[in-house]
Amino acid sequence: AEQCTKQKGRFVQRGEGGTYTCVTPTRDANKRCDDSSDCDGICFAKSRTCAPVTPLFGCYDALENGRVVNICTE
């Protein structure tokens, strides 16, 4: 948890299993993108913007290799 805080992250409990993880802000949050390779995290397909944090939890449509893919992370 201390290392996470040093990275400006939040140590939070996520997913159905209640696992703790470090959620950190991305350097390119909300930047325009055409593919997830343009971002620290994923490129949201609908808004074509980079995710604000990583890792994300839940289901999202992302742009990967020129295609829209549905990504679900618990």
Protein backbone atom coordinates (compact mmCIF):
# COMPACT_ATOMS: atom_id res chain seq x y z
CA ALA A 1 0.00 0.00 0.00
CA GLU A 2 2.84 2.39 0.82
CA GLN A 3 4.55 1.78 -2.55
CA CYS A 4 1.23 2.41 -4.29
CA THR A 5 0.79 5.75 -2.56
CA LYS A 6 4.31 6.76 -3.62
CA GLN A 7 3.20 6.16 -7.23
CA LYS A 8 0.22 8.49 -6.67
CA GLY A 9 -2.06 5.47 -6.76
CA ARG A 10 -4.91 4.26 -4.61
CA PHE A 11 -4.71 0.86 -2.92
CA VAL A 12 -8.28 -0.39 -3.27
CA GLN A 13 -10.26 -3.58 -2.99
CA ARG A 14 -11.65 -4.61 -6.38
CA GLY A 15 -13.53 -7.42 -8.06
CA GLU A 16 -15.75 -10.14 -6.69
CA GLY A 17 -12.82 -11.78 -4.94
CA GLY A 18 -12.02 -8.59 -3.04
CA THR A 19 -8.39 -8.55 -4.13
CA TYR A 20 -6.45 -5.42 -3.26
CA THR A 21 -4.69 -3.70 -6.13
CA CYS A 22 -2.93 -0.43 -6.85
CA VAL A 23 -4.92 1.79 -9.22
CA THR A 24 -2.70 4.50 -10.68
CA PRO A 25 -3.46 7.49 -12.89
CA THR A 26 -2.21 7.30 -16.47
CA ARG A 27 0.03 10.01 -17.92
CA ASP A 28 -2.22 10.38 -20.96
CA ALA A 29 -5.67 10.37 -19.33
CA ASN A 30 -8.39 11.59 -21.71
CA LYS A 31 -5.91 12.14 -24.57
CA ARG A 32 -7.29 11.39 -28.05
CA CYS A 33 -6.31 7.94 -29.33
CA ASP A 34 -6.86 5.62 -32.26
CA ASP A 35 -5.56 2.42 -30.63
CA SER A 36 -4.65 1.17 -27.16
CA SER A 37 -0.99 1.28 -28.20
CA ASP A 38 -1.40 5.08 -28.11
CA CYS A 39 -2.16 4.93 -24.36
CA ASP A 40 -0.67 3.84 -21.04
CA GLY A 41 -3.94 1.96 -20.47
CA ILE A 42 -6.71 1.27 -22.95
CA CYS A 43 -8.21 3.46 -25.68
CA PHE A 44 -11.97 3.69 -25.15
CA ALA A 45 -13.68 2.91 -28.47
CA LYS A 46 -16.69 5.19 -28.02
CA SER A 47 -14.90 8.38 -26.95
CA ARG A 48 -11.52 7.58 -28.54
CA THR A 49 -9.77 8.74 -25.38
CA CYS A 50 -7.17 7.09 -23.16
CA ALA A 51 -8.33 5.61 -19.87
CA PRO A 52 -7.72 7.81 -16.81
CA VAL A 53 -6.40 4.97 -14.59
CA THR A 54 -4.88 1.53 -14.82
CA PRO A 55 -5.90 -1.17 -14.23
CA LEU A 56 -9.57 -0.75 -15.06
CA PHE A 57 -12.20 -3.08 -13.68
CA GLY A 58 -15.46 -3.93 -15.40
CA CYS A 59 -16.24 -4.24 -19.11
CA TYR A 60 -15.20 -1.74 -21.77
CA ASP A 61 -15.06 -1.50 -25.55
CA ALA A 62 -11.49 -0.70 -26.54
CA LEU A 63 -9.67 -0.08 -29.81
CA GLU A 64 -7.01 -2.73 -30.41
CA ASN A 65 -5.19 -3.28 -33.69
CA GLY A 66 -7.81 -1.36 -35.65
CA ARG A 67 -10.74 -3.29 -34.16
CA VAL A 68 -13.24 -2.75 -31.37
CA VAL A 69 -12.81 -5.42 -28.70
CA ASN A 70 -14.73 -5.90 -25.47
CA ILE A 71 -12.45 -6.16 -22.46
CA CYS A 72 -13.75 -7.39 -19.11
CA THR A 73 -11.51 -7.39 -16.04
CA GLU A 74 -12.47 -8.45 -12.57
